[in-house]
C-alpha atoms as a PDB file:
ATOM      1  CA  MET A   1      16.589   5.081  -6.842  1.00  0.00           C
ATOM      2  CA  LYS A   2      15.568   8.699  -6.783  1.00  0.00           C
ATOM      3  CA  ILE A   3      15.695  10.486 -10.080  1.00  0.00           C
ATOM      4  CA  THR A   4      17.235  13.931  -9.935  1.00  0.00           C
ATOM      5  CA  ARG A   5      17.990  16.518 -12.530  1.00  0.00           C
ATOM      6  CA  ASN A   6      21.682  15.616 -12.453  1.00  0.00           C
ATOM      7  CA  SER A   7      21.036  11.890 -13.140  1.00  0.00           C
ATOM      8  CA  ILE A   8      19.031  12.627 -16.353  1.00  0.00           C
ATOM      9  CA  PRO A   9      20.706  13.708 -19.619  1.00  0.00           C
ATOM     10  CA  LYS A  10      19.732  17.306 -20.577  1.00  0.00           C
ATOM     11  CA  GLN A  11      17.905  16.306 -23.727  1.00  0.00           C
ATOM     12  CA  LYS A  12      15.647  13.943 -21.706  1.00  0.00           C
ATOM     13  CA  GLN A  13      14.855  16.438 -18.917  1.00  0.00           C
ATOM     14  CA  SER A  14      12.090  18.194 -20.918  1.00  0.00           C
ATOM     15  CA  GLU A  15      10.600  14.768 -21.762  1.00  0.00           C
ATOM     16  CA  VAL A  16      10.576  13.832 -18.026  1.00  0.00           C
ATOM     17  CA  GLN A  17       8.986  17.125 -17.121  1.00  0.00           C
ATOM     18  CA  ASP A  18       6.268  16.625 -19.723  1.00  0.00           C
ATOM     19  CA  ILE A  19       5.468  13.193 -18.258  1.00  0.00           C
ATOM     20  CA  LYS A  20       5.333  14.617 -14.666  1.00  0.00           C
ATOM     21  CA  GLU A  21       2.861  17.249 -15.896  1.00  0.00           C
ATOM     22  CA  ARG A  22       0.623  14.579 -17.463  1.00  0.00           C
ATOM     23  CA  VAL A  23       0.441  12.494 -14.251  1.00  0.00           C
ATOM     24  CA  THR A  24      -3.046  12.962 -12.667  1.00  0.00           C
ATOM     25  CA  LYS A  25      -2.609  10.672  -9.626  1.00  0.00           C
ATOM     26  CA  TYR A  26       0.049   8.717  -7.809  1.00  0.00           C
ATOM     27  CA  ILE A  27      -0.678   5.387  -6.234  1.00  0.00           C
ATOM     28  CA  PRO A  28       1.695   3.470  -3.951  1.00  0.00           C
ATOM     29  CA  GLY A  29       3.529   0.613  -5.532  1.00  0.00           C
ATOM     30  CA  LYS A  30       5.927  -2.051  -4.339  1.00  0.00           C
ATOM     31  CA  HIS A  31       9.084   0.035  -4.925  1.00  0.00           C
ATOM     32  CA  GLY A  32       7.621   3.574  -4.873  1.00  0.00           C
ATOM     33  CA  LEU A  33       4.827   5.624  -6.404  1.00  0.00           C
ATOM     34  CA  ILE A  34       3.234   4.839  -9.675  1.00  0.00           C
ATOM     35  CA  GLY A  35       2.067   7.833 -11.748  1.00  0.00           C
ATOM     36  CA  ILE A  36      -1.243   7.407 -13.511  1.00  0.00           C
ATOM     37  CA  VAL A  37      -1.490   9.185 -16.898  1.00  0.00           C
ATOM     38  CA  ILE A  38      -5.023   9.321 -18.288  1.00  0.00           C
ATOM     39  CA  PRO A  39      -5.105   9.310 -22.127  1.00  0.00           C
ATOM     40  CA  LYS A  40      -6.484  12.366 -23.827  1.00  0.00           C
ATOM     41  CA  CYS A  41     -10.275  12.204 -24.789  1.00  0.00           C
ATOM     42  CA  ASP A  42      -9.416  11.977 -28.506  1.00  0.00           C
ATOM     43  CA  GLU A  43      -7.494   8.699 -27.852  1.00  0.00           C
ATOM     44  CA  PRO A  44      -9.081   5.529 -29.378  1.00  0.00           C
ATOM     45  CA  THR A  45     -11.506   3.637 -27.227  1.00  0.00           C
ATOM     46  CA  SER A  46      -9.188   0.675 -27.132  1.00  0.00           C
ATOM     47  CA  ALA A  47      -6.551   2.800 -25.387  1.00  0.00           C
ATOM     48  CA  LEU A  48      -9.051   3.661 -22.650  1.00  0.00           C
ATOM     49  CA  ASP A  49     -10.130   0.087 -22.433  1.00  0.00           C
ATOM     50  CA  ASP A  50      -6.494  -1.003 -21.983  1.00  0.00           C
ATOM     51  CA  LEU A  51      -6.084   1.627 -19.310  1.00  0.00           C
ATOM     52  CA  TYR A  52      -9.093   0.471 -17.310  1.00  0.00           C
ATOM     53  CA  ARG A  53      -8.152  -3.141 -17.672  1.00  0.00           C
ATOM     54  CA  THR A  54      -4.615  -2.464 -16.434  1.00  0.00           C
ATOM     55  CA  LEU A  55      -5.815  -0.405 -13.476  1.00  0.00           C
ATOM     56  CA  ALA A  56      -8.303  -3.126 -12.520  1.00  0.00           C
ATOM     57  CA  LYS A  57      -5.567  -5.782 -12.634  1.00  0.00           C
ATOM     58  CA  ILE A  58      -3.315  -3.608 -10.445  1.00  0.00           C
ATOM     59  CA  VAL A  59      -6.133  -3.137  -7.850  1.00  0.00           C
ATOM     60  CA  ILE A  60      -6.971  -6.892  -7.890  1.00  0.00           C
ATOM     61  CA  ASN A  61      -3.327  -7.961  -7.429  1.00  0.00           C
ATOM     62  CA  GLN A  62      -2.852  -5.458  -4.602  1.00  0.00           C
ATOM     63  CA  ALA A  63      -5.986  -6.866  -2.873  1.00  0.00           C
ATOM     64  CA  ARG A  64      -4.666 -10.366  -3.433  1.00  0.00           C
ATOM     65  CA  ARG A  65      -1.324  -9.546  -1.860  1.00  0.00           C
ATOM     66  CA  GLU A  66      -3.021  -7.834   1.050  1.00  0.00           C
ATOM     67  CA  ALA A  67      -5.333 -10.868   1.692  1.00  0.00           C
ATOM     68  CA  VAL A  68      -2.288 -13.182   1.548  1.00  0.00           C
ATOM     69  CA  ARG A  69      -0.319 -10.955   3.981  1.00  0.00           C
ATOM     70  CA  LYS A  70      -3.197 -10.587   6.463  1.00  0.00           C
ATOM     71  CA  GLN A  71      -4.692 -14.044   6.496  1.00  0.00           C
ATOM     72  CA  GLN A  72      -1.679 -16.074   5.486  1.00  0.00           C
ATOM     73  CA  LEU A  73      -3.700 -17.548   2.584  1.00  0.00           C
ATOM     74  CA  SER A  74      -2.156 -19.192  -0.407  1.00  0.00           C
ATOM     75  CA  VAL A  75      -2.068 -16.983  -3.504  1.00  0.00           C
ATOM     76  CA  ASP A  76      -4.127 -19.634  -5.297  1.00  0.00           C
ATOM     77  CA  ASP A  77      -6.941 -19.333  -2.715  1.00  0.00           C
ATOM     78  CA  CYS A  78      -7.531 -15.531  -3.236  1.00  0.00           C
ATOM     79  CA  LEU A  79      -8.487 -14.812  -6.870  1.00  0.00           C
ATOM     80  CA  PRO A  80      -8.337 -16.388 -10.331  1.00  0.00           C
ATOM     81  CA  LYS A  81      -4.794 -16.628 -11.901  1.00  0.00           C
ATOM     82  CA  GLU A  82      -5.805 -14.763 -15.048  1.00  0.00           C
ATOM     83  CA  PHE A  83      -5.728 -11.446 -13.043  1.00  0.00           C
ATOM     84  CA  VAL A  84      -2.132 -11.794 -12.178  1.00  0.00           C
ATOM     85  CA  ILE A  85       0.236  -9.305 -13.879  1.00  0.00           C
ATOM     86  CA  LYS A  86       3.651 -10.626 -14.380  1.00  0.00           C
END
């Protein structure tokens, strides 16, 4: 579903615009692009740790799916299950 100005209530349009301005990079996802928003430097270290952990899990899961697709491997053969994001 593509989001357009007409599909968003007026009071939310400025909030959506603010989020779009904060996105530093887009990566391809299963159903479209995923916008990456890097926390500001004054954020607590735990927020950055969570960001890095989440990005690592996304990359690992994408690599797992690609390996399964290319080599017809079982998902269990690729990587440990603790890296799976559900």
